[in-house]
């Protein structure tokens, strides 16, 4: 073997033992989730700014309507806050690669999401105004609709991950997916709190 070949062989690294996935900022999935939350958070922020712009130019607010009823929106907010507990347990189980624990807690998370969506349907019936009635009606339906869209997509994603956790073709990288799905659910919770204040409390001030 020539000296050049010997040098090339010495410079070759065997990386076969390295992990094929990582949690946190070492994962492309983490960066993708952070980017998605940044984009969607911007959209929510623009929706809230739109609400206060319209309120600022209106002679009265709400326009020709009573404020939304508090019951279902407040109950749903409490359920969403409670969902942080199984969400964290699912995230922790995934990050220690505990498949049975991840299975259990992601199913609990899925149940919370389904209950929340059922109550969200009731929320739409108590807004006391149609989305076509005026600017006020349009903007609160828009805010609630935006958040509901994110809830639906994350519920579907959680359901798919739950199915994958029970699949015979399970891959370790799915633990990363469960962890990042939990991270996104925290965004769903956090983004709802200011929107709850805007939709339910701001019309009463």
N, C-alpha and C. Protein backbone atom coordinates (compact mmCIF):
# COMPACT_ATOMS: atom_id res chain seq x y z
N UNK A 1 0.85 -1.20 0.00
CA UNK A 1 0.00 0.00 0.00
C UNK A 1 0.89 1.25 0.00
N UNK A 2 0.54 2.19 -0.81
CA UNK A 2 1.33 3.42 -0.91
C UNK A 2 1.07 4.28 0.30
N UNK A 3 2.01 5.18 0.62
CA UNK A 3 1.80 6.10 1.76
C UNK A 3 0.52 6.89 1.65
N UNK A 4 0.16 7.31 0.40
CA UNK A 4 -1.07 8.08 0.22
C UNK A 4 -2.29 7.26 0.61
N UNK A 5 -2.30 5.97 0.22
CA UNK A 5 -3.43 5.11 0.57
C UNK A 5 -3.49 4.88 2.08
N UNK A 6 -2.33 4.68 2.69
CA UNK A 6 -2.29 4.48 4.13
C UNK A 6 -2.85 5.71 4.86
N UNK A 7 -2.50 6.92 4.37
CA UNK A 7 -3.00 8.15 4.97
C UNK A 7 -4.51 8.25 4.82
N UNK A 8 -5.03 7.88 3.63
CA UNK A 8 -6.47 7.93 3.39
C UNK A 8 -7.22 6.98 4.28
N UNK A 9 -6.66 5.77 4.49
CA UNK A 9 -7.32 4.80 5.37
C UNK A 9 -7.34 5.30 6.80
N UNK A 10 -6.25 5.96 7.23
CA UNK A 10 -6.18 6.48 8.60
C UNK A 10 -7.17 7.61 8.83
N UNK A 11 -7.49 8.36 7.77
CA UNK A 11 -8.42 9.48 7.88
C UNK A 11 -9.88 9.05 7.83
N UNK A 12 -10.17 7.80 7.53
CA UNK A 12 -11.54 7.32 7.42
C UNK A 12 -12.10 7.04 8.80
N UNK A 13 -13.29 7.55 9.06
CA UNK A 13 -13.95 7.35 10.35
C UNK A 13 -15.09 6.35 10.21
N UNK A 14 -15.20 5.45 11.15
CA UNK A 14 -16.30 4.50 11.19
C UNK A 14 -17.43 5.11 12.03
N UNK A 15 -18.49 5.51 11.38
CA UNK A 15 -19.60 6.17 12.08
C UNK A 15 -20.81 5.24 12.21
N UNK A 16 -20.62 3.95 11.94
CA UNK A 16 -21.75 3.02 11.96
C UNK A 16 -22.38 2.89 13.34
N UNK A 17 -21.61 3.18 14.40
CA UNK A 17 -22.14 3.03 15.76
C UNK A 17 -22.87 4.28 16.25
N UNK A 18 -22.82 5.36 15.49
CA UNK A 18 -23.48 6.59 15.92
C UNK A 18 -24.99 6.46 15.80
N UNK A 19 -25.75 7.13 16.68
CA UNK A 19 -27.23 7.06 16.59
C UNK A 19 -27.73 7.72 15.31
N UNK A 20 -28.85 7.23 14.83
CA UNK A 20 -29.43 7.77 13.59
C UNK A 20 -30.45 8.87 13.87
N UNK A 21 -30.70 9.15 15.13
CA UNK A 21 -31.64 10.22 15.49
C UNK A 21 -31.22 10.81 16.82
N UNK A 22 -31.66 12.07 17.05
CA UNK A 22 -31.38 12.76 18.30
C UNK A 22 -32.60 13.57 18.71
N UNK A 23 -32.65 13.88 19.99
CA UNK A 23 -33.74 14.71 20.50
C UNK A 23 -33.27 16.16 20.61
N UNK A 24 -34.23 17.08 20.70
CA UNK A 24 -33.90 18.48 20.90
C UNK A 24 -33.29 19.12 19.67
N UNK A 25 -32.46 20.13 19.88
CA UNK A 25 -31.94 20.92 18.76
C UNK A 25 -30.97 20.14 17.88
N UNK A 26 -30.61 18.93 18.28
CA UNK A 26 -29.79 18.09 17.41
C UNK A 26 -30.59 17.41 16.32
N UNK A 27 -31.91 17.60 16.34
CA UNK A 27 -32.80 16.96 15.37
C UNK A 27 -33.33 17.99 14.36
N UNK A 28 -33.36 17.61 13.10
CA UNK A 28 -33.98 18.47 12.09
C UNK A 28 -35.46 18.65 12.36
N UNK A 29 -36.10 17.64 12.95
CA UNK A 29 -37.51 17.74 13.28
C UNK A 29 -37.76 18.86 14.28
N UNK A 30 -36.84 19.02 15.24
CA UNK A 30 -36.97 20.09 16.23
C UNK A 30 -36.93 21.45 15.55
N UNK A 31 -35.97 21.64 14.65
CA UNK A 31 -35.87 22.91 13.93
C UNK A 31 -37.09 23.16 13.06
N UNK A 32 -37.60 22.10 12.43
CA UNK A 32 -38.80 22.25 11.62
C UNK A 32 -40.00 22.65 12.47
N UNK A 33 -40.12 22.03 13.65
CA UNK A 33 -41.22 22.36 14.55
C UNK A 33 -41.11 23.80 15.04
N UNK A 34 -39.89 24.24 15.37
CA UNK A 34 -39.70 25.61 15.82
C UNK A 34 -40.06 26.61 14.71
N UNK A 35 -39.67 26.29 13.49
CA UNK A 35 -40.01 27.16 12.36
C UNK A 35 -41.51 27.24 12.14
N UNK A 36 -42.17 26.09 12.26
CA UNK A 36 -43.63 26.05 12.10
C UNK A 36 -44.32 26.89 13.17
N UNK A 37 -43.86 26.75 14.41
CA UNK A 37 -44.46 27.54 15.49
C UNK A 37 -44.23 29.03 15.29
N UNK A 38 -43.07 29.40 14.77
CA UNK A 38 -42.79 30.81 14.50
C UNK A 38 -43.74 31.37 13.45
N UNK A 39 -43.94 30.62 12.38
CA UNK A 39 -44.83 31.05 11.31
C UNK A 39 -46.27 31.16 11.81
N UNK A 40 -46.72 30.11 12.49
CA UNK A 40 -48.11 30.10 12.95
C UNK A 40 -48.34 31.12 14.06
N UNK A 41 -47.34 31.32 14.92
CA UNK A 41 -47.46 32.35 15.94
C UNK A 41 -47.59 33.73 15.33
N UNK A 42 -46.89 33.96 14.22
CA UNK A 42 -47.00 35.24 13.51
C UNK A 42 -48.42 35.44 12.97
N UNK A 43 -48.99 34.36 12.44
CA UNK A 43 -50.37 34.43 11.92
C UNK A 43 -51.34 34.75 13.04
N UNK A 44 -51.19 34.08 14.18
CA UNK A 44 -52.05 34.38 15.32
C UNK A 44 -51.89 35.83 15.76
N UNK A 45 -50.65 36.30 15.81
CA UNK A 45 -50.40 37.69 16.20
C UNK A 45 -51.06 38.67 15.26
N UNK A 46 -51.00 38.39 13.96
CA UNK A 46 -51.65 39.27 12.98
C UNK A 46 -53.16 39.26 13.17
N UNK A 47 -53.72 38.08 13.49
CA UNK A 47 -55.17 38.01 13.72
C UNK A 47 -55.58 38.85 14.93
N UNK A 48 -54.79 38.80 15.99
CA UNK A 48 -55.09 39.59 17.19
C UNK A 48 -54.95 41.08 16.90
N UNK A 49 -53.91 41.46 16.14
CA UNK A 49 -53.76 42.86 15.75
C UNK A 49 -54.95 43.33 14.92
N UNK A 50 -55.44 42.46 14.05
CA UNK A 50 -56.61 42.80 13.24
C UNK A 50 -57.82 43.07 14.13
N UNK A 51 -57.97 42.23 15.16
CA UNK A 51 -59.08 42.39 16.09
C UNK A 51 -59.05 43.78 16.73
N UNK A 52 -57.88 44.17 17.25
CA UNK A 52 -57.80 45.44 17.96
C UNK A 52 -57.84 46.64 17.00
N UNK A 53 -57.41 46.43 15.77
CA UNK A 53 -57.56 47.52 14.77
C UNK A 53 -59.04 47.77 14.51
N UNK A 54 -59.78 46.68 14.28
CA UNK A 54 -61.21 46.83 14.01
C UNK A 54 -61.93 47.42 15.21
N UNK A 55 -61.52 47.00 16.40
CA UNK A 55 -62.13 47.55 17.60
C UNK A 55 -61.86 49.05 17.72
N UNK A 56 -60.67 49.46 17.32
CA UNK A 56 -60.30 50.86 17.43
C UNK A 56 -61.07 51.77 16.49
N UNK A 57 -61.50 51.25 15.35
CA UNK A 57 -62.21 52.10 14.38
C UNK A 57 -63.72 51.96 14.48
N UNK A 58 -64.20 50.99 15.31
CA UNK A 58 -65.64 50.79 15.43
C UNK A 58 -66.23 51.78 16.43
N UNK A 59 -67.43 52.19 16.19
CA UNK A 59 -68.11 53.12 17.12
C UNK A 59 -68.50 52.42 18.40
N UNK A 60 -68.81 51.12 18.33
CA UNK A 60 -69.16 50.34 19.51
C UNK A 60 -68.60 48.93 19.32
N UNK A 61 -68.29 48.29 20.43
CA UNK A 61 -67.70 46.93 20.36
C UNK A 61 -68.18 46.13 21.55
N UNK A 62 -68.70 44.94 21.32
CA UNK A 62 -68.94 44.25 20.04
C UNK A 62 -69.99 44.97 19.20
N UNK A 63 -69.97 44.70 17.92
CA UNK A 63 -70.91 45.35 17.00
C UNK A 63 -72.19 44.53 16.94
N UNK A 64 -73.27 45.09 17.44
CA UNK A 64 -74.60 44.47 17.35
C UNK A 64 -74.63 43.03 17.86
N UNK A 65 -73.96 42.76 18.95
CA UNK A 65 -73.96 41.40 19.50
C UNK A 65 -73.56 41.44 20.96
N UNK A 66 -74.01 40.43 21.69
CA UNK A 66 -73.55 40.26 23.07
C UNK A 66 -72.19 39.54 23.04
N UNK A 67 -71.35 39.72 24.05
CA UNK A 67 -70.09 38.99 24.10
C UNK A 67 -70.35 37.48 24.10
N UNK A 68 -69.40 36.68 23.63
CA UNK A 68 -69.58 35.22 23.64
C UNK A 68 -69.81 34.69 25.05
N UNK A 69 -70.63 33.66 25.16
CA UNK A 69 -70.86 33.04 26.46
C UNK A 69 -69.56 32.42 26.97
N UNK A 70 -69.36 32.47 28.27
CA UNK A 70 -68.08 32.05 28.85
C UNK A 70 -67.97 30.55 29.14
N UNK A 71 -69.09 29.85 29.27
CA UNK A 71 -69.07 28.48 29.79
C UNK A 71 -68.14 27.56 29.02
N UNK A 72 -68.43 27.33 27.73
CA UNK A 72 -67.68 26.32 26.98
C UNK A 72 -66.24 26.76 26.73
N UNK A 73 -66.04 28.03 26.46
CA UNK A 73 -64.68 28.51 26.22
C UNK A 73 -63.80 28.38 27.45
N UNK A 74 -64.38 28.69 28.63
CA UNK A 74 -63.61 28.60 29.87
C UNK A 74 -63.34 27.14 30.24
N UNK A 75 -64.35 26.29 30.09
CA UNK A 75 -64.16 24.86 30.36
C UNK A 75 -63.11 24.27 29.43
N UNK A 76 -63.16 24.66 28.19
CA UNK A 76 -62.18 24.16 27.22
C UNK A 76 -60.77 24.63 27.56
N UNK A 77 -60.65 25.85 28.05
CA UNK A 77 -59.33 26.35 28.45
C UNK A 77 -58.77 25.53 29.60
N UNK A 78 -59.61 25.18 30.56
CA UNK A 78 -59.16 24.35 31.68
C UNK A 78 -58.73 22.97 31.19
N UNK A 79 -59.49 22.40 30.27
CA UNK A 79 -59.13 21.09 29.72
C UNK A 79 -57.80 21.17 28.98
N UNK A 80 -57.61 22.23 28.23
CA UNK A 80 -56.37 22.40 27.49
C UNK A 80 -55.18 22.52 28.45
N UNK A 81 -55.35 23.27 29.52
CA UNK A 81 -54.28 23.40 30.52
C UNK A 81 -53.98 22.05 31.18
N UNK A 82 -55.02 21.28 31.50
CA UNK A 82 -54.82 19.96 32.10
C UNK A 82 -54.10 19.00 31.16
N UNK A 83 -54.30 19.20 29.85
CA UNK A 83 -53.67 18.30 28.88
C UNK A 83 -52.15 18.42 28.87
N UNK A 84 -51.62 19.49 29.48
CA UNK A 84 -50.16 19.64 29.55
C UNK A 84 -49.53 18.51 30.37
N UNK A 85 -50.28 17.97 31.33
CA UNK A 85 -49.73 16.91 32.19
C UNK A 85 -49.47 15.62 31.41
N UNK A 86 -50.48 14.99 30.76
CA UNK A 86 -50.16 13.80 29.97
C UNK A 86 -49.23 14.10 28.80
N UNK A 87 -49.29 15.32 28.30
CA UNK A 87 -48.39 15.70 27.20
C UNK A 87 -46.93 15.61 27.63
N UNK A 88 -46.65 16.13 28.83
CA UNK A 88 -45.28 16.08 29.35
C UNK A 88 -44.86 14.64 29.64
N UNK A 89 -45.78 13.83 30.13
CA UNK A 89 -45.46 12.43 30.41
C UNK A 89 -45.18 11.66 29.11
N UNK A 90 -45.91 11.98 28.05
CA UNK A 90 -45.65 11.35 26.75
C UNK A 90 -44.28 11.77 26.22
N UNK A 91 -43.96 13.05 26.37
CA UNK A 91 -42.67 13.57 25.91
C UNK A 91 -41.52 12.92 26.68
N UNK A 92 -41.68 12.83 28.02
CA UNK A 92 -40.63 12.22 28.83
C UNK A 92 -40.44 10.75 28.50
N UNK A 93 -41.55 10.02 28.30
CA UNK A 93 -41.46 8.60 27.95
C UNK A 93 -40.76 8.41 26.61
N UNK A 94 -41.08 9.27 25.65
CA UNK A 94 -40.44 9.17 24.33
C UNK A 94 -38.95 9.42 24.42
N UNK A 95 -38.56 10.41 25.22
CA UNK A 95 -37.15 10.78 25.30
C UNK A 95 -36.29 9.77 26.08
N UNK A 96 -36.96 8.94 26.88
CA UNK A 96 -36.20 7.84 27.50
C UNK A 96 -36.45 6.53 26.74
N UNK A 97 -37.13 6.65 25.58
CA UNK A 97 -37.40 5.55 24.65
C UNK A 97 -38.17 4.42 25.33
N UNK A 98 -39.15 4.83 26.12
CA UNK A 98 -40.07 3.91 26.79
C UNK A 98 -41.31 3.78 25.92
N UNK A 99 -41.35 2.74 25.11
CA UNK A 99 -42.42 2.61 24.13
C UNK A 99 -43.78 2.40 24.80
N UNK A 100 -43.85 1.57 25.83
CA UNK A 100 -45.14 1.33 26.48
C UNK A 100 -45.65 2.60 27.16
N UNK A 101 -44.75 3.36 27.79
CA UNK A 101 -45.17 4.61 28.41
C UNK A 101 -45.63 5.62 27.37
N UNK A 102 -44.89 5.70 26.27
CA UNK A 102 -45.28 6.63 25.20
C UNK A 102 -46.63 6.25 24.62
N UNK A 103 -46.87 4.95 24.46
CA UNK A 103 -48.17 4.48 23.97
C UNK A 103 -49.30 4.95 24.88
N UNK A 104 -49.12 4.70 26.17
CA UNK A 104 -50.17 5.04 27.13
C UNK A 104 -50.48 6.53 27.12
N UNK A 105 -49.44 7.35 27.24
CA UNK A 105 -49.69 8.78 27.43
C UNK A 105 -50.09 9.47 26.15
N UNK A 106 -49.68 8.94 25.01
CA UNK A 106 -50.12 9.59 23.77
C UNK A 106 -51.60 9.29 23.53
N UNK A 107 -52.07 8.13 24.00
CA UNK A 107 -53.51 7.83 23.90
C UNK A 107 -54.31 8.76 24.82
N UNK A 108 -53.76 9.05 26.01
CA UNK A 108 -54.42 10.00 26.91
C UNK A 108 -54.46 11.38 26.27
N UNK A 109 -53.35 11.78 25.67
CA UNK A 109 -53.30 13.07 24.97
C UNK A 109 -54.33 13.12 23.85
N UNK A 110 -54.46 12.04 23.12
CA UNK A 110 -55.43 11.98 22.02
C UNK A 110 -56.85 12.13 22.56
N UNK A 111 -57.14 11.50 23.71
CA UNK A 111 -58.47 11.62 24.31
C UNK A 111 -58.74 13.07 24.71
N UNK A 112 -57.76 13.73 25.30
CA UNK A 112 -57.92 15.15 25.66
C UNK A 112 -58.22 15.98 24.41
N UNK A 113 -57.50 15.72 23.33
CA UNK A 113 -57.68 16.49 22.10
C UNK A 113 -59.08 16.30 21.53
N UNK A 114 -59.57 15.07 21.56
CA UNK A 114 -60.91 14.78 21.02
C UNK A 114 -61.98 15.49 21.87
N UNK A 115 -61.82 15.43 23.19
CA UNK A 115 -62.78 16.11 24.07
C UNK A 115 -62.75 17.62 23.81
N UNK A 116 -61.55 18.16 23.67
CA UNK A 116 -61.42 19.59 23.41
C UNK A 116 -62.13 19.97 22.12
N UNK A 117 -61.94 19.18 21.06
CA UNK A 117 -62.57 19.49 19.78
C UNK A 117 -64.10 19.41 19.88
N UNK A 118 -64.60 18.45 20.66
CA UNK A 118 -66.05 18.34 20.83
C UNK A 118 -66.60 19.59 21.51
N UNK A 119 -65.89 20.07 22.55
CA UNK A 119 -66.33 21.28 23.22
C UNK A 119 -66.12 22.53 22.36
N UNK A 120 -65.10 22.47 21.50
CA UNK A 120 -64.89 23.60 20.59
C UNK A 120 -66.08 23.76 19.65
N UNK A 121 -66.66 22.64 19.23
CA UNK A 121 -67.85 22.71 18.39
C UNK A 121 -68.98 23.44 19.12
N UNK A 122 -69.09 23.20 20.44
CA UNK A 122 -70.10 23.91 21.24
C UNK A 122 -69.74 25.38 21.38
N UNK A 123 -68.46 25.69 21.44
CA UNK A 123 -68.04 27.09 21.54
C UNK A 123 -68.56 27.91 20.36
N UNK A 124 -68.48 27.34 19.17
CA UNK A 124 -68.92 28.07 17.98
C UNK A 124 -70.41 28.41 18.05
N UNK A 125 -71.18 27.61 18.80
CA UNK A 125 -72.62 27.87 18.89
C UNK A 125 -72.95 28.97 19.90
N UNK A 126 -71.94 29.40 20.69
CA UNK A 126 -72.22 30.40 21.74
C UNK A 126 -71.47 31.71 21.51
N UNK A 127 -71.04 31.96 20.28
CA UNK A 127 -70.37 33.23 19.97
C UNK A 127 -71.37 34.38 19.84
N UNK A 128 -72.65 34.04 19.72
CA UNK A 128 -73.74 35.03 19.67
C UNK A 128 -73.71 35.92 18.43
N UNK A 129 -73.01 35.46 17.40
CA UNK A 129 -72.98 36.23 16.15
C UNK A 129 -72.50 35.33 15.02
N UNK A 130 -72.99 35.58 13.82
CA UNK A 130 -72.53 34.85 12.64
C UNK A 130 -71.25 35.48 12.10
N UNK A 131 -70.45 34.66 11.43
CA UNK A 131 -69.20 35.18 10.85
C UNK A 131 -69.47 36.14 9.71
N UNK A 132 -70.69 36.12 9.17
CA UNK A 132 -71.03 37.01 8.05
C UNK A 132 -71.73 38.30 8.51
N UNK A 133 -71.99 38.43 9.81
CA UNK A 133 -72.81 39.56 10.29
C UNK A 133 -72.10 40.90 10.14
N UNK A 134 -70.86 40.99 10.57
CA UNK A 134 -70.11 42.24 10.51
C UNK A 134 -68.64 41.96 10.80
N UNK A 135 -67.85 43.01 10.91
CA UNK A 135 -66.41 42.85 11.12
C UNK A 135 -66.10 42.14 12.43
N UNK A 136 -66.86 42.46 13.47
CA UNK A 136 -66.64 41.80 14.76
C UNK A 136 -66.86 40.31 14.65
N UNK A 137 -68.00 39.93 14.06
CA UNK A 137 -68.29 38.51 13.89
C UNK A 137 -67.22 37.80 13.07
N UNK A 138 -66.79 38.44 12.00
CA UNK A 138 -65.78 37.83 11.13
C UNK A 138 -64.47 37.58 11.86
N UNK A 139 -64.03 38.55 12.67
CA UNK A 139 -62.70 38.43 13.27
C UNK A 139 -62.69 37.41 14.41
N UNK A 140 -63.77 37.30 15.19
CA UNK A 140 -63.73 36.30 16.26
C UNK A 140 -63.89 34.89 15.69
N UNK A 141 -64.67 34.74 14.62
CA UNK A 141 -64.74 33.44 13.96
C UNK A 141 -63.40 33.08 13.33
N UNK A 142 -62.71 34.09 12.80
CA UNK A 142 -61.39 33.85 12.23
C UNK A 142 -60.42 33.35 13.30
N UNK A 143 -60.37 34.02 14.45
CA UNK A 143 -59.44 33.63 15.51
C UNK A 143 -59.74 32.22 16.01
N UNK A 144 -61.01 31.96 16.26
CA UNK A 144 -61.37 30.63 16.75
C UNK A 144 -61.13 29.57 15.67
N UNK A 145 -61.40 29.94 14.43
CA UNK A 145 -61.19 29.00 13.32
C UNK A 145 -59.72 28.67 13.12
N UNK A 146 -58.85 29.68 13.23
CA UNK A 146 -57.42 29.43 13.08
C UNK A 146 -56.92 28.46 14.14
N UNK A 147 -57.31 28.70 15.38
CA UNK A 147 -56.85 27.81 16.44
C UNK A 147 -57.43 26.40 16.29
N UNK A 148 -58.68 26.32 15.87
CA UNK A 148 -59.31 25.01 15.66
C UNK A 148 -58.60 24.23 14.56
N UNK A 149 -58.19 24.92 13.51
CA UNK A 149 -57.45 24.25 12.43
C UNK A 149 -56.18 23.60 12.96
N UNK A 150 -55.47 24.33 13.82
CA UNK A 150 -54.24 23.78 14.39
C UNK A 150 -54.54 22.61 15.32
N UNK A 151 -55.63 22.70 16.04
CA UNK A 151 -56.04 21.59 16.90
C UNK A 151 -56.35 20.34 16.09
N UNK A 152 -57.06 20.52 15.00
CA UNK A 152 -57.43 19.37 14.17
C UNK A 152 -56.19 18.70 13.59
N UNK A 153 -55.28 19.52 13.04
CA UNK A 153 -54.08 18.93 12.42
C UNK A 153 -53.22 18.23 13.46
N UNK A 154 -53.11 18.80 14.67
CA UNK A 154 -52.29 18.14 15.68
C UNK A 154 -52.98 16.90 16.23
N UNK A 155 -54.30 16.90 16.29
CA UNK A 155 -55.02 15.70 16.72
C UNK A 155 -54.81 14.57 15.73
N UNK A 156 -54.87 14.89 14.44
CA UNK A 156 -54.61 13.87 13.42
C UNK A 156 -53.18 13.35 13.53
N UNK A 157 -52.23 14.27 13.72
CA UNK A 157 -50.82 13.88 13.86
C UNK A 157 -50.63 12.98 15.09
N UNK A 158 -51.28 13.32 16.19
CA UNK A 158 -51.19 12.51 17.40
C UNK A 158 -51.77 11.12 17.17
N UNK A 159 -52.88 11.06 16.45
CA UNK A 159 -53.48 9.76 16.13
C UNK A 159 -52.57 8.90 15.27
N UNK A 160 -51.92 9.52 14.30
CA UNK A 160 -50.98 8.78 13.44
C UNK A 160 -49.81 8.26 14.26
N UNK A 161 -49.27 9.10 15.14
CA UNK A 161 -48.15 8.68 15.98
C UNK A 161 -48.56 7.55 16.93
N UNK A 162 -49.78 7.62 17.46
CA UNK A 162 -50.27 6.55 18.32
C UNK A 162 -50.32 5.23 17.55
N UNK A 163 -50.80 5.29 16.30
CA UNK A 163 -50.85 4.08 15.47
C UNK A 163 -49.45 3.54 15.20
N UNK A 164 -48.50 4.44 14.95
CA UNK A 164 -47.13 4.01 14.69
C UNK A 164 -46.49 3.37 15.92
N UNK A 165 -46.84 3.86 17.10
CA UNK A 165 -46.29 3.28 18.33
C UNK A 165 -46.77 1.84 18.54
N UNK A 166 -47.92 1.50 17.97
CA UNK A 166 -48.45 0.14 18.08
C UNK A 166 -48.09 -0.71 16.86
N UNK A 167 -47.44 -0.10 15.87
CA UNK A 167 -47.12 -0.81 14.63
C UNK A 167 -45.96 -1.78 14.82
N UNK A 168 -45.98 -2.88 14.08
CA UNK A 168 -44.88 -3.84 14.11
C UNK A 168 -43.65 -3.29 13.42
N UNK A 169 -43.84 -2.30 12.56
CA UNK A 169 -42.73 -1.70 11.83
C UNK A 169 -42.22 -0.44 12.53
N UNK A 170 -42.34 -0.43 13.82
CA UNK A 170 -41.93 0.73 14.61
C UNK A 170 -40.43 1.00 14.46
N UNK A 171 -40.08 2.28 14.29
CA UNK A 171 -38.67 2.69 14.23
C UNK A 171 -38.37 3.64 15.39
N UNK A 172 -37.13 3.57 15.87
CA UNK A 172 -36.74 4.40 17.01
C UNK A 172 -36.91 5.88 16.77
N UNK A 173 -36.77 6.30 15.52
CA UNK A 173 -36.89 7.74 15.24
C UNK A 173 -38.28 8.28 15.53
N UNK A 174 -39.27 7.37 15.67
CA UNK A 174 -40.63 7.83 16.00
C UNK A 174 -40.69 8.41 17.40
N UNK A 175 -39.75 8.04 18.27
CA UNK A 175 -39.70 8.67 19.59
C UNK A 175 -39.45 10.16 19.45
N UNK A 176 -38.63 10.54 18.48
CA UNK A 176 -38.37 11.95 18.23
C UNK A 176 -39.65 12.64 17.77
N UNK A 177 -40.42 11.96 16.92
CA UNK A 177 -41.68 12.52 16.44
C UNK A 177 -42.64 12.76 17.60
N UNK A 178 -42.71 11.82 18.53
CA UNK A 178 -43.58 11.98 19.70
C UNK A 178 -43.13 13.17 20.54
N UNK A 179 -41.83 13.30 20.74
CA UNK A 179 -41.29 14.41 21.52
C UNK A 179 -41.61 15.74 20.88
N UNK A 180 -41.44 15.84 19.57
CA UNK A 180 -41.70 17.11 18.89
C UNK A 180 -43.19 17.40 18.79
N UNK A 181 -44.00 16.35 18.70
CA UNK A 181 -45.45 16.55 18.72
C UNK A 181 -45.88 17.14 20.06
N UNK A 182 -45.25 16.68 21.14
CA UNK A 182 -45.55 17.23 22.47
C UNK A 182 -45.11 18.69 22.55
N UNK A 183 -43.98 19.00 21.96
CA UNK A 183 -43.52 20.39 21.93
C UNK A 183 -44.53 21.28 21.22
N UNK A 184 -45.05 20.80 20.11
CA UNK A 184 -46.03 21.57 19.35
C UNK A 184 -47.32 21.75 20.16
N UNK A 185 -47.69 20.73 20.93
CA UNK A 185 -48.92 20.85 21.73
C UNK A 185 -48.78 21.94 22.78
N UNK A 186 -47.57 22.13 23.30
CA UNK A 186 -47.35 23.25 24.22
C UNK A 186 -47.61 24.58 23.51
N UNK A 187 -47.26 24.64 22.24
CA UNK A 187 -47.54 25.85 21.46
C UNK A 187 -49.05 26.03 21.30
N UNK A 188 -49.77 24.93 21.07
CA UNK A 188 -51.22 25.00 20.95
C UNK A 188 -51.83 25.55 22.25
N UNK A 189 -51.32 25.08 23.39
CA UNK A 189 -51.82 25.58 24.68
C UNK A 189 -51.47 27.05 24.86
N UNK A 190 -50.20 27.38 24.66
CA UNK A 190 -49.75 28.74 24.89
C UNK A 190 -50.39 29.76 23.96
N UNK A 191 -50.63 29.38 22.72
CA UNK A 191 -51.23 30.32 21.78
C UNK A 191 -52.71 30.56 22.07
N UNK A 192 -53.36 29.59 22.72
CA UNK A 192 -54.78 29.76 23.00
C UNK A 192 -55.04 30.77 24.11
N UNK A 193 -54.16 30.89 25.09
CA UNK A 193 -54.43 31.75 26.24
C UNK A 193 -54.66 33.22 25.85
N UNK A 194 -53.79 33.84 25.01
CA UNK A 194 -54.11 35.21 24.60
C UNK A 194 -55.34 35.28 23.70
N UNK A 195 -55.58 34.23 22.92
CA UNK A 195 -56.75 34.25 22.06
C UNK A 195 -58.03 34.11 22.88
N UNK A 196 -57.98 33.33 23.95
CA UNK A 196 -59.13 33.25 24.86
C UNK A 196 -59.43 34.64 25.44
N UNK A 197 -58.37 35.34 25.85
CA UNK A 197 -58.56 36.68 26.41
C UNK A 197 -59.18 37.62 25.39
N UNK A 198 -58.76 37.51 24.14
CA UNK A 198 -59.27 38.40 23.09
C UNK A 198 -60.71 38.07 22.77
N UNK A 199 -61.01 36.79 22.57
CA UNK A 199 -62.36 36.39 22.13
C UNK A 199 -63.37 36.54 23.25
N UNK A 200 -63.01 36.16 24.48
CA UNK A 200 -64.01 36.09 25.56
C UNK A 200 -63.97 37.24 26.56
N UNK A 201 -62.79 37.78 26.81
CA UNK A 201 -62.69 38.81 27.84
C UNK A 201 -62.68 40.22 27.26
N UNK A 202 -61.97 40.41 26.15
CA UNK A 202 -61.87 41.77 25.58
C UNK A 202 -63.22 42.39 25.27
N UNK A 203 -64.23 41.65 24.75
CA UNK A 203 -65.53 42.28 24.49
C UNK A 203 -66.25 42.75 25.75
N UNK A 204 -65.80 42.29 26.92
CA UNK A 204 -66.45 42.65 28.17
C UNK A 204 -65.77 43.84 28.85
N UNK A 205 -64.67 44.32 28.25
CA UNK A 205 -63.94 45.44 28.85
C UNK A 205 -64.38 46.76 28.21
